[in-house]
Amino acid sequence: MSQLRIFSYLPNPRIWKATIAARLCGVEVEVRGSSPRELQSWLWDFDARPLSSDEPGASAEVRVGKVGFKGTGLRKTDAFMEAHPFGTVPAAFSPDGKVGIFESNSIMRAVARLGESRFPLYGRGPYEASRVDSFLDVSLVFARDAQMYLLALMSERVSPEIHSQARDGFTIYAAGIDQALSSGSEFLVGSDLTLADICFVAEMSLFCNEKTRVGALEKQGLAPILHAKVEAEFPRAMGHLARLRKHPAFSPDVDPYLAKLEAP
């Protein structure tokens, strides 16, 4: 039996936070899900699954989705809403399905706590743990700007204002990571991998979806944020991403995903 079950649209770089952490600290995680389009016909529940029109679950209460599923009717059970009061994915559950854990950083933290005796993903001691939390909190600001930007790109409705906000958010985030690594440290906190490094790679990988939407930017007369010289502008941050994508715990999720985004 898995120690944690995650339901999400796939692929989703934000659930890699949990799967990468799980590989490092030996926690068994089960992932269920499908593409965003197909997830619209799924039953949203601990026992999440595709529904056929004649199944009893097909009559589960239809709730209107928000953000990525905005305006879409989604079949969410009462038990799902009790465990996940905001009704969003990724949605994680305890093995008995009674405890819901929402938001990708919190799901990642749950994995780290389950495997803390095998790998110190939360750092060594209260000060390192708090520094890890600092990086995770900063990532939330960048993640919010990135999500609004990528959704706007997908709909080809990106405005100069959304682009500017995302560009500024990326610059602040990447510059901070660059500074954190400026002393020659191999990792963001302490002498080993932590949740801070995992979160950084996941959020940056998601942001790399911009590379597939250059045409939408050109239509608006906007330049890519991940421009040709971004590696020279933030060498340590971008180098950190390049190194970790090849790490054995990261590579199964990250490397093929980024390779596909980078393909001509």
C-alpha atoms as a PDB file:
ATOM      1  CA  MET A   1       0.000   0.000   0.000  1.00  0.00           C
ATOM      2  CA  SER A   2       1.237   3.484  -0.854  1.00  0.00           C
ATOM      3  CA  GLN A   3       1.906   5.937   1.959  1.00  0.00           C
ATOM      4  CA  LEU A   4       0.404   8.801  -0.016  1.00  0.00           C
ATOM      5  CA  ARG A   5      -2.001   8.945  -2.973  1.00  0.00           C
ATOM      6  CA  ILE A   6      -1.962  11.959  -5.294  1.00  0.00           C
ATOM      7  CA  PHE A   7      -4.679  12.870  -7.797  1.00  0.00           C
ATOM      8  CA  SER A   8      -3.766  15.457 -10.426  1.00  0.00           C
ATOM      9  CA  TYR A   9      -3.820  16.431 -14.071  1.00  0.00           C
ATOM     10  CA  LEU A  10      -0.792  14.998 -15.879  1.00  0.00           C
ATOM     11  CA  PRO A  11       1.901  15.849 -16.662  1.00  0.00           C
ATOM     12  CA  ASN A  12       2.233  18.309 -13.814  1.00  0.00           C
ATOM     13  CA  PRO A  13       5.732  19.424 -12.738  1.00  0.00           C
ATOM     14  CA  ARG A  14       4.366  20.475  -9.362  1.00  0.00           C
ATOM     15  CA  ILE A  15       3.649  16.884  -8.330  1.00  0.00           C
ATOM     16  CA  TRP A  16       7.303  16.112  -9.049  1.00  0.00           C
ATOM     17  CA  LYS A  17       8.014  17.844  -5.777  1.00  0.00           C
ATOM     18  CA  ALA A  18       6.468  14.801  -4.109  1.00  0.00           C
ATOM     19  CA  THR A  19       7.750  12.117  -6.482  1.00  0.00           C
ATOM     20  CA  ILE A  20      11.351  13.391  -6.377  1.00  0.00           C
ATOM     21  CA  ALA A  21      11.224  13.646  -2.584  1.00  0.00           C
ATOM     22  CA  ALA A  22       9.775  10.126  -2.446  1.00  0.00           C
ATOM     23  CA  ARG A  23      12.684   8.679  -4.424  1.00  0.00           C
ATOM     24  CA  LEU A  24      15.193  10.370  -2.142  1.00  0.00           C
ATOM     25  CA  CYS A  25      13.660   9.285   1.161  1.00  0.00           C
ATOM     26  CA  GLY A  26      12.115   5.949   0.237  1.00  0.00           C
ATOM     27  CA  VAL A  27       8.416   6.809   0.492  1.00  0.00           C
ATOM     28  CA  GLU A  28       5.889   4.975  -1.679  1.00  0.00           C
ATOM     29  CA  VAL A  29       3.671   7.442  -3.528  1.00  0.00           C
ATOM     30  CA  GLU A  30       0.819   6.554  -5.895  1.00  0.00           C
ATOM     31  CA  VAL A  31      -0.148   9.035  -8.611  1.00  0.00           C
ATOM     32  CA  ARG A  32      -3.522   8.952 -10.359  1.00  0.00           C
ATOM     33  CA  GLY A  33      -4.651  11.253 -13.104  1.00  0.00           C
ATOM     34  CA  SER A  34      -4.821  12.106 -16.775  1.00  0.00           C
ATOM     35  CA  SER A  35      -4.670  15.073 -19.127  1.00  0.00           C
ATOM     36  CA  PRO A  36      -6.612  18.195 -18.129  1.00  0.00           C
ATOM     37  CA  ARG A  37      -9.153  17.550 -20.878  1.00  0.00           C
ATOM     38  CA  GLU A  38      -9.746  13.937 -19.823  1.00  0.00           C
ATOM     39  CA  LEU A  39      -9.867  14.847 -16.127  1.00  0.00           C
ATOM     40  CA  GLN A  40     -13.127  16.650 -16.815  1.00  0.00           C
ATOM     41  CA  SER A  41     -14.839  13.262 -17.140  1.00  0.00           C
ATOM     42  CA  TRP A  42     -13.227  11.752 -14.027  1.00  0.00           C
ATOM     43  CA  LEU A  43     -14.756  11.261 -10.603  1.00  0.00           C
ATOM     44  CA  TRP A  44     -12.811  13.554  -8.261  1.00  0.00           C
ATOM     45  CA  ASP A  45     -12.439  11.436  -5.147  1.00  0.00           C
ATOM     46  CA  PHE A  46      -9.925   9.436  -3.094  1.00  0.00           C
ATOM     47  CA  ASP A  47     -10.816   6.630  -5.497  1.00  0.00           C
ATOM     48  CA  ALA A  48     -10.430   8.957  -8.478  1.00  0.00           C
ATOM     49  CA  ARG A  49     -11.117   7.298 -11.830  1.00  0.00           C
ATOM     50  CA  PRO A  50     -12.609   7.845 -15.296  1.00  0.00           C
ATOM     51  CA  LEU A  51     -16.409   7.659 -15.392  1.00  0.00           C
ATOM     52  CA  SER A  52     -18.663   6.243 -18.028  1.00  0.00           C
ATOM     53  CA  SER A  53     -22.017   7.964 -18.480  1.00  0.00           C
ATOM     54  CA  ASP A  54     -23.995   5.058 -16.975  1.00  0.00           C
ATOM     55  CA  GLU A  55     -21.947   4.767 -13.753  1.00  0.00           C
ATOM     56  CA  PRO A  56     -23.617   5.826 -10.472  1.00  0.00           C
ATOM     57  CA  GLY A  57     -20.739   8.206  -9.833  1.00  0.00           C
ATOM     58  CA  ALA A  58     -21.613  10.080 -12.992  1.00  0.00           C
ATOM     59  CA  SER A  59     -24.434  11.666 -11.028  1.00  0.00           C
ATOM     60  CA  ALA A  60     -22.055  13.049  -8.354  1.00  0.00           C
ATOM     61  CA  GLU A  61     -22.570  16.728  -7.738  1.00  0.00           C
ATOM     62  CA  VAL A  62     -21.174  18.813 -10.562  1.00  0.00           C
ATOM     63  CA  ARG A  63     -19.126  21.739  -9.294  1.00  0.00           C
ATOM     64  CA  VAL A  64     -17.809  24.525 -11.476  1.00  0.00           C
ATOM     65  CA  GLY A  65     -14.025  24.525 -11.791  1.00  0.00           C
ATOM     66  CA  LYS A  66     -11.785  27.519 -11.211  1.00  0.00           C
ATOM     67  CA  VAL A  67      -8.441  28.775 -12.573  1.00  0.00           C
ATOM     68  CA  GLY A  68      -7.146  26.032 -14.948  1.00  0.00           C
ATOM     69  CA  PHE A  69     -10.600  24.382 -15.122  1.00  0.00           C
ATOM     70  CA  LYS A  70     -12.485  27.678 -15.033  1.00  0.00           C
ATOM     71  CA  GLY A  71     -16.125  27.327 -16.053  1.00  0.00           C
ATOM     72  CA  THR A  72     -15.910  23.548 -16.450  1.00  0.00           C
ATOM     73  CA  GLY A  73     -18.373  21.234 -14.699  1.00  0.00           C
ATOM     74  CA  LEU A  74     -16.385  18.743 -12.604  1.00  0.00           C
ATOM     75  CA  ARG A  75     -17.760  15.733 -10.708  1.00  0.00           C
ATOM     76  CA  LYS A  76     -16.450  16.118  -7.168  1.00  0.00           C
ATOM     77  CA  THR A  77     -17.759  13.913  -4.371  1.00  0.00           C
ATOM     78  CA  ASP A  78     -18.716  15.291  -0.973  1.00  0.00           C
ATOM     79  CA  ALA A  79     -15.861  13.248   0.514  1.00  0.00           C
ATOM     80  CA  PHE A  80     -13.419  14.928  -1.863  1.00  0.00           C
ATOM     81  CA  MET A  81     -14.632  18.376  -0.853  1.00  0.00           C
ATOM     82  CA  GLU A  82     -14.421  17.466   2.819  1.00  0.00           C
ATOM     83  CA  ALA A  83     -10.800  16.410   2.391  1.00  0.00           C
ATOM     84  CA  HIS A  84     -10.005  19.257  -0.030  1.00  0.00           C
ATOM     85  CA  PRO A  85     -12.084  22.304   0.883  1.00  0.00           C
ATOM     86  CA  PHE A  86     -10.691  24.398  -1.977  1.00  0.00           C
ATOM     87  CA  GLY A  87     -11.535  21.646  -4.459  1.00  0.00           C
ATOM     88  CA  THR A  88      -8.240  21.841  -6.358  1.00  0.00           C
ATOM     89  CA  VAL A  89      -5.591  19.482  -7.717  1.00  0.00           C
ATOM     90  CA  PRO A  90      -3.025  18.222  -7.028  1.00  0.00           C
ATOM     91  CA  ALA A  91      -4.918  16.562  -4.205  1.00  0.00           C
ATOM     92  CA  ALA A  92      -3.129  14.147  -1.857  1.00  0.00           C
ATOM     93  CA  PHE A  93      -4.677  11.691   0.585  1.00  0.00           C
ATOM     94  CA  SER A  94      -3.564   9.619   3.547  1.00  0.00           C
ATOM     95  CA  PRO A  95      -3.771   5.841   2.878  1.00  0.00           C
ATOM     96  CA  ASP A  96      -7.283   5.628   4.319  1.00  0.00           C
ATOM     97  CA  GLY A  97      -8.474   8.597   2.273  1.00  0.00           C
ATOM     98  CA  LYS A  98      -9.637  10.530   5.330  1.00  0.00           C
ATOM     99  CA  VAL A  99      -6.941  13.225   5.470  1.00  0.00           C
ATOM    100  CA  GLY A 100      -6.528  15.528   2.493  1.00  0.00           C
ATOM    101  CA  ILE A 101      -3.335  17.471   1.840  1.00  0.00           C
ATOM    102  CA  PHE A 102      -3.507  20.266  -0.704  1.00  0.00           C
ATOM    103  CA  GLU A 103      -0.991  22.579  -2.403  1.00  0.00           C
ATOM    104  CA  SER A 104       2.121  21.044  -3.933  1.00  0.00           C
ATOM    105  CA  ASN A 105       4.583  22.407  -1.369  1.00  0.00           C
ATOM    106  CA  SER A 106       2.547  20.914   1.470  1.00  0.00           C
ATOM    107  CA  ILE A 107       2.278  17.569  -0.317  1.00  0.00           C
ATOM    108  CA  MET A 108       6.054  17.612  -0.748  1.00  0.00           C
ATOM    109  CA  ARG A 109       6.488  18.397   2.953  1.00  0.00           C
ATOM    110  CA  ALA A 110       4.279  15.414   3.820  1.00  0.00           C
ATOM    111  CA  VAL A 111       6.587  13.104   1.872  1.00  0.00           C
ATOM    112  CA  ALA A 112       9.631  14.570   3.595  1.00  0.00           C
ATOM    113  CA  ARG A 113       8.070  14.010   7.017  1.00  0.00           C
ATOM    114  CA  LEU A 114       7.124  10.432   6.152  1.00  0.00           C
ATOM    115  CA  GLY A 115      10.713   9.692   5.171  1.00  0.00           C
ATOM    116  CA  GLU A 116      12.622  11.980   7.517  1.00  0.00           C
ATOM    117  CA  SER A 117      14.461   9.076   9.178  1.00  0.00           C
ATOM    118  CA  ARG A 118      15.976   8.076   5.817  1.00  0.00           C
ATOM    119  CA  PHE A 119      16.949  11.411   4.236  1.00  0.00           C
ATOM    120  CA  PRO A 120      17.041  14.917   5.795  1.00  0.00           C
ATOM    121  CA  LEU A 121      15.103  16.711   3.059  1.00  0.00           C
ATOM    122  CA  TYR A 122      14.080  19.380   5.553  1.00  0.00           C
ATOM    123  CA  GLY A 123      17.689  20.144   6.427  1.00  0.00           C
ATOM    124  CA  ARG A 124      19.559  19.425   9.617  1.00  0.00           C
ATOM    125  CA  GLY A 125      18.099  21.217  12.610  1.00  0.00           C
ATOM    126  CA  PRO A 126      15.569  24.009  13.109  1.00  0.00           C
ATOM    127  CA  TYR A 127      17.592  26.760  11.453  1.00  0.00           C
ATOM    128  CA  GLU A 128      18.171  24.877   8.218  1.00  0.00           C
ATOM    129  CA  ALA A 129      14.516  23.764   8.241  1.00  0.00           C
ATOM    130  CA  SER A 130      13.417  27.374   8.584  1.00  0.00           C
ATOM    131  CA  ARG A 131      15.735  28.445   5.762  1.00  0.00           C
ATOM    132  CA  VAL A 132      14.185  25.734   3.585  1.00  0.00           C
ATOM    133  CA  ASP A 133      10.767  27.175   4.442  1.00  0.00           C
ATOM    134  CA  SER A 134      12.012  30.604   3.373  1.00  0.00           C
ATOM    135  CA  PHE A 135      12.792  29.325  -0.119  1.00  0.00           C
ATOM    136  CA  LEU A 136       9.454  27.533  -0.295  1.00  0.00           C
ATOM    137  CA  ASP A 137       7.567  30.673   0.709  1.00  0.00           C
ATOM    138  CA  VAL A 138       9.374  32.762  -1.912  1.00  0.00           C
ATOM    139  CA  SER A 139       8.555  30.155  -4.540  1.00  0.00           C
ATOM    140  CA  LEU A 140       4.827  30.689  -3.927  1.00  0.00           C
ATOM    141  CA  VAL A 141       5.038  34.284  -5.146  1.00  0.00           C
ATOM    142  CA  PHE A 142       6.851  33.243  -8.307  1.00  0.00           C
ATOM    143  CA  ALA A 143       4.482  30.303  -8.813  1.00  0.00           C
ATOM    144  CA  ARG A 144       1.419  32.535  -8.723  1.00  0.00           C
ATOM    145  CA  ASP A 145       2.797  34.928 -11.345  1.00  0.00           C
ATOM    146  CA  ALA A 146       3.988  32.001 -13.461  1.00  0.00           C
ATOM    147  CA  GLN A 147       0.604  30.281 -13.384  1.00  0.00           C
ATOM    148  CA  MET A 148      -1.299  33.364 -14.522  1.00  0.00           C
ATOM    149  CA  TYR A 149       1.265  33.947 -17.277  1.00  0.00           C
ATOM    150  CA  LEU A 150       1.245  30.381 -18.600  1.00  0.00           C
ATOM    151  CA  LEU A 151      -2.556  30.198 -18.595  1.00  0.00           C
ATOM    152  CA  ALA A 152      -2.667  33.450 -20.534  1.00  0.00           C
ATOM    153  CA  LEU A 153      -0.127  32.088 -23.025  1.00  0.00           C
ATOM    154  CA  MET A 154      -2.144  28.901 -23.510  1.00  0.00           C
ATOM    155  CA  SER A 155      -5.246  30.915 -24.331  1.00  0.00           C
ATOM    156  CA  GLU A 156      -3.180  33.315 -26.475  1.00  0.00           C
ATOM    157  CA  ARG A 157      -4.503  36.193 -24.420  1.00  0.00           C
ATOM    158  CA  VAL A 158      -1.315  37.296 -22.726  1.00  0.00           C
ATOM    159  CA  SER A 159      -1.287  41.036 -22.046  1.00  0.00           C
ATOM    160  CA  PRO A 160       1.729  43.311 -21.585  1.00  0.00           C
ATOM    161  CA  GLU A 161       0.732  43.667 -17.917  1.00  0.00           C
ATOM    162  CA  ILE A 162       0.690  39.901 -17.261  1.00  0.00           C
ATOM    163  CA  HIS A 163       3.948  39.508 -19.169  1.00  0.00           C
ATOM    164  CA  SER A 164       5.604  42.300 -17.197  1.00  0.00           C
ATOM    165  CA  GLN A 165       4.499  40.844 -13.865  1.00  0.00           C
ATOM    166  CA  ALA A 166       5.784  37.396 -14.808  1.00  0.00           C
ATOM    167  CA  ARG A 167       9.080  38.820 -16.072  1.00  0.00           C
ATOM    168  CA  ASP A 168       9.629  40.740 -12.852  1.00  0.00           C
ATOM    169  CA  GLY A 169       8.681  37.712 -10.765  1.00  0.00           C
ATOM    170  CA  PHE A 170      11.084  35.480 -12.661  1.00  0.00           C
ATOM    171  CA  THR A 171      13.895  38.013 -12.381  1.00  0.00           C
ATOM    172  CA  ILE A 172      13.480  38.343  -8.608  1.00  0.00           C
ATOM    173  CA  TYR A 173      13.277  34.573  -8.123  1.00  0.00           C
ATOM    174  CA  ALA A 174      16.200  33.672 -10.390  1.00  0.00           C
ATOM    175  CA  ALA A 175      18.385  36.447  -8.962  1.00  0.00           C
ATOM    176  CA  GLY A 176      17.743  35.215  -5.422  1.00  0.00           C
ATOM    177  CA  ILE A 177      18.648  31.643  -6.356  1.00  0.00           C
ATOM    178  CA  ASP A 178      21.766  32.917  -8.119  1.00  0.00           C
ATOM    179  CA  GLN A 179      22.782  34.827  -4.998  1.00  0.00           C
ATOM    180  CA  ALA A 180      22.136  31.839  -2.729  1.00  0.00           C
ATOM    181  CA  LEU A 181      24.564  29.791  -4.801  1.00  0.00           C
ATOM    182  CA  SER A 182      27.176  32.552  -5.166  1.00  0.00           C
ATOM    183  CA  SER A 183      29.430  31.200  -2.399  1.00  0.00           C
ATOM    184  CA  GLY A 184      30.042  28.064  -4.427  1.00  0.00           C
ATOM    185  CA  SER A 185      27.486  25.987  -2.547  1.00  0.00           C
ATOM    186  CA  GLU A 186      26.255  22.937  -4.415  1.00  0.00           C
ATOM    187  CA  PHE A 187      22.783  23.176  -2.883  1.00  0.00           C
ATOM    188  CA  LEU A 188      20.487  25.972  -1.692  1.00  0.00           C
ATOM    189  CA  VAL A 189      20.499  24.964   1.992  1.00  0.00           C
ATOM    190  CA  GLY A 190      23.249  23.125   3.834  1.00  0.00           C
ATOM    191  CA  SER A 191      25.463  20.440   2.355  1.00  0.00           C
ATOM    192  CA  ASP A 192      22.852  18.219   0.717  1.00  0.00           C
ATOM    193  CA  LEU A 193      19.678  18.250  -1.331  1.00  0.00           C
ATOM    194  CA  THR A 194      16.624  19.675   0.398  1.00  0.00           C
ATOM    195  CA  LEU A 195      13.046  20.544  -0.438  1.00  0.00           C
ATOM    196  CA  ALA A 196      14.314  23.983  -1.508  1.00  0.00           C
ATOM    197  CA  ASP A 197      16.222  22.472  -4.440  1.00  0.00           C
ATOM    198  CA  ILE A 198      13.326  20.192  -5.387  1.00  0.00           C
ATOM    199  CA  CYS A 199      10.813  23.038  -5.397  1.00  0.00           C
ATOM    200  CA  PHE A 200      13.126  25.235  -7.469  1.00  0.00           C
ATOM    201  CA  VAL A 201      13.511  22.591 -10.171  1.00  0.00           C
ATOM    202  CA  ALA A 202       9.772  21.873 -10.312  1.00  0.00           C
ATOM    203  CA  GLU A 203       8.729  25.527 -10.596  1.00  0.00           C
ATOM    204  CA  MET A 204      11.406  26.323 -13.174  1.00  0.00           C
ATOM    205  CA  SER A 205      10.477  23.267 -15.231  1.00  0.00           C
ATOM    206  CA  LEU A 206       6.876  24.408 -15.316  1.00  0.00           C
ATOM    207  CA  PHE A 207       7.923  27.907 -16.356  1.00  0.00           C
ATOM    208  CA  CYS A 208       9.895  26.410 -19.256  1.00  0.00           C
ATOM    209  CA  ASN A 209       6.534  25.830 -20.982  1.00  0.00           C
ATOM    210  CA  GLU A 210       6.988  29.380 -22.196  1.00  0.00           C
ATOM    211  CA  LYS A 211       9.348  27.923 -24.824  1.00  0.00           C
ATOM    212  CA  THR A 212       6.435  26.307 -26.636  1.00  0.00           C
ATOM    213  CA  ARG A 213       4.406  29.535 -26.765  1.00  0.00           C
ATOM    214  CA  VAL A 214       6.828  31.941 -28.417  1.00  0.00           C
ATOM    215  CA  GLY A 215       4.366  32.455 -31.256  1.00  0.00           C
ATOM    216  CA  ALA A 216       1.730  33.792 -28.850  1.00  0.00           C
ATOM    217  CA  LEU A 217       4.284  36.260 -27.504  1.00  0.00           C
ATOM    218  CA  GLU A 218       5.321  37.401 -30.973  1.00  0.00           C
ATOM    219  CA  LYS A 219       1.692  38.140 -31.867  1.00  0.00           C
ATOM    220  CA  GLN A 220       1.613  40.614 -28.972  1.00  0.00           C
ATOM    221  CA  GLY A 221       5.057  42.047 -29.725  1.00  0.00           C
ATOM    222  CA  LEU A 222       6.472  40.579 -26.511  1.00  0.00           C
ATOM    223  CA  ALA A 223       9.860  38.962 -25.933  1.00  0.00           C
ATOM    224  CA  PRO A 224      10.374  35.592 -24.228  1.00  0.00           C
ATOM    225  CA  ILE A 225      11.337  35.819 -20.565  1.00  0.00           C
ATOM    226  CA  LEU A 226      13.550  32.756 -21.040  1.00  0.00           C
ATOM    227  CA  HIS A 227      15.510  34.559 -23.742  1.00  0.00           C
ATOM    228  CA  ALA A 228      18.716  33.352 -25.387  1.00  0.00           C
ATOM    229  CA  LYS A 229      20.965  35.057 -22.837  1.00  0.00           C
ATOM    230  CA  VAL A 230      19.117  33.992 -19.668  1.00  0.00           C
ATOM    231  CA  GLU A 231      21.809  31.444 -18.797  1.00  0.00           C
ATOM    232  CA  ALA A 232      24.448  34.170 -18.896  1.00  0.00           C
ATOM    233  CA  GLU A 233      22.252  36.478 -16.828  1.00  0.00           C
ATOM    234  CA  PHE A 234      21.607  33.886 -14.108  1.00  0.00           C
ATOM    235  CA  PRO A 235      24.426  31.345 -14.555  1.00  0.00           C
ATOM    236  CA  ARG A 236      24.253  29.706 -11.142  1.00  0.00           C
ATOM    237  CA  ALA A 237      20.463  29.372 -11.081  1.00  0.00           C
ATOM    238  CA  MET A 238      20.227  27.998 -14.597  1.00  0.00           C
ATOM    239  CA  GLY A 239      23.264  25.800 -13.995  1.00  0.00           C
ATOM    240  CA  HIS A 240      21.594  24.399 -10.877  1.00  0.00           C
ATOM    241  CA  LEU A 241      18.578  23.408 -12.959  1.00  0.00           C
ATOM    242  CA  ALA A 242      20.797  21.849 -15.630  1.00  0.00           C
ATOM    243  CA  ARG A 243      22.697  19.760 -13.062  1.00  0.00           C
ATOM    244  CA  LEU A 244      19.715  18.561 -11.079  1.00  0.00           C
ATOM    245  CA  ARG A 245      17.683  17.521 -14.113  1.00  0.00           C
ATOM    246  CA  LYS A 246      20.298  14.759 -14.559  1.00  0.00           C
ATOM    247  CA  HIS A 247      20.287  13.671 -10.900  1.00  0.00           C
ATOM    248  CA  PRO A 248      18.930  10.092 -10.519  1.00  0.00           C
ATOM    249  CA  ALA A 249      16.053  11.234  -8.287  1.00  0.00           C
ATOM    250  CA  PHE A 250      15.067  14.066 -10.644  1.00  0.00           C
ATOM    251  CA  SER A 251      15.819  12.658 -14.077  1.00  0.00           C
ATOM    252  CA  PRO A 252      12.834  10.266 -14.511  1.00  0.00           C
ATOM    253  CA  ASP A 253      10.416  13.204 -14.237  1.00  0.00           C
ATOM    254  CA  VAL A 254      12.387  16.254 -15.307  1.00  0.00           C
ATOM    255  CA  ASP A 255      14.762  15.280 -18.103  1.00  0.00           C
ATOM    256  CA  PRO A 256      12.282  13.911 -20.693  1.00  0.00           C
ATOM    257  CA  TYR A 257       9.838  16.735 -19.942  1.00  0.00           C
ATOM    258  CA  LEU A 258      12.410  19.472 -20.530  1.00  0.00           C
ATOM    259  CA  ALA A 259      13.860  17.667 -23.535  1.00  0.00           C
ATOM    260  CA  LYS A 260      10.421  17.703 -25.148  1.00  0.00           C
ATOM    261  CA  LEU A 261      10.002  21.426 -24.465  1.00  0.00           C
ATOM    262  CA  GLU A 262      13.453  22.119 -25.905  1.00  0.00           C
ATOM    263  CA  ALA A 263      12.906  20.105 -29.093  1.00  0.00           C
ATOM    264  CA  PRO A 264      12.772  22.217 -32.306  1.00  0.00           C
END
